Amino acid sequence: MYDAINTLPSKEADRQRLARLMDQHTKSGGPVSELPGYGPKPMPPRRSKIDPETRLKRRPAPTIRKAGGRA
């Protein structure tokens, strides 16, 4: 069953349907096993080294104003 709107009543109907199917499966002698879930790999640690080439490309050089007038 597909509902265009994701609501709590639609999820409850899905939960009840799955519970009925699981009951039918276990009553017919089918095994039920719990499988391991998804375990994401942790992100690698950030490097503390700053590459000067990359930093210069990202950040433009500041403008230097003359003492007596406008730049």
Protein backbone atom coordinates (compact mmCIF):
# COMPACT_ATOMS: atom_id res chain seq x y z
CA MET A 1 0.00 0.00 0.00
CA TYR A 2 1.24 3.46 -0.84
CA ASP A 3 0.01 6.69 0.69
CA ALA A 4 0.95 9.94 -0.97
CA ILE A 5 1.05 11.62 2.44
CA ASN A 6 3.33 10.26 5.13
CA THR A 7 1.12 10.42 8.23
CA LEU A 8 0.97 8.61 11.56
CA PRO A 9 -2.29 6.76 10.72
CA SER A 10 -0.77 5.46 7.47
CA LYS A 11 2.31 4.24 9.37
CA GLU A 12 0.09 2.53 11.97
CA ALA A 13 -1.76 0.70 9.19
CA ASP A 14 1.58 -0.48 7.76
CA ARG A 15 2.74 -1.59 11.20
CA GLN A 16 -0.43 -3.63 11.77
CA ARG A 17 -0.20 -5.21 8.31
CA LEU A 18 3.42 -6.23 8.91
CA ALA A 19 2.53 -7.62 12.35
CA ARG A 20 -0.23 -9.78 10.78
CA LEU A 21 2.17 -11.08 8.13
CA MET A 22 4.79 -11.89 10.75
CA ASP A 23 2.21 -13.77 12.84
CA GLN A 24 1.18 -15.81 9.80
CA HIS A 25 4.84 -16.58 9.08
CA THR A 26 5.60 -17.75 12.63
CA LYS A 27 2.38 -19.80 12.87
CA SER A 28 3.32 -21.64 9.67
CA GLY A 29 6.67 -22.59 11.25
CA GLY A 30 8.86 -20.01 9.57
CA PRO A 31 11.96 -18.87 11.46
CA VAL A 32 12.43 -15.30 12.61
CA SER A 33 15.95 -13.97 13.01
CA GLU A 34 17.22 -10.52 13.91
CA LEU A 35 19.84 -9.25 11.51
CA PRO A 36 22.51 -6.68 12.30
CA GLY A 37 21.67 -3.15 11.30
CA TYR A 38 23.62 -0.66 9.26
CA GLY A 39 26.76 0.59 10.97
CA PRO A 40 28.31 3.57 9.22
CA LYS A 41 32.09 3.89 9.25
CA PRO A 42 33.38 6.86 11.23
CA MET A 43 34.86 9.75 9.31
CA PRO A 44 38.67 9.93 9.27
CA PRO A 45 40.14 12.54 11.62
CA ARG A 46 40.79 15.98 10.19
CA ARG A 47 44.35 16.88 9.35
CA SER A 48 45.92 19.61 11.43
CA LYS A 49 48.29 20.59 8.60
CA ILE A 50 47.18 23.60 6.56
CA ASP A 51 48.34 23.58 2.97
CA PRO A 52 49.48 27.14 2.16
CA GLU A 53 48.69 26.73 -1.55
CA THR A 54 45.08 25.86 -0.86
CA ARG A 55 44.67 28.61 1.73
CA LEU A 56 45.94 31.24 -0.69
CA LYS A 57 43.53 30.07 -3.40
CA ARG A 58 40.53 30.29 -1.09
CA ARG A 59 41.30 33.59 0.59
CA PRO A 60 42.22 36.59 -1.53
CA ALA A 61 45.05 38.83 -0.39
CA PRO A 62 43.88 41.82 1.66
CA THR A 63 43.96 45.21 -0.04
CA ILE A 64 46.53 47.65 1.31
CA ARG A 65 45.55 51.31 1.48
CA LYS A 66 48.03 54.14 1.19
CA ALA A 67 48.42 56.40 4.20
CA GLY A 68 47.46 59.67 2.51
CA GLY A 69 44.60 58.80 0.21
CA ARG A 70 42.20 56.27 -1.14
CA ALA A 71 43.24 53.04 -2.75
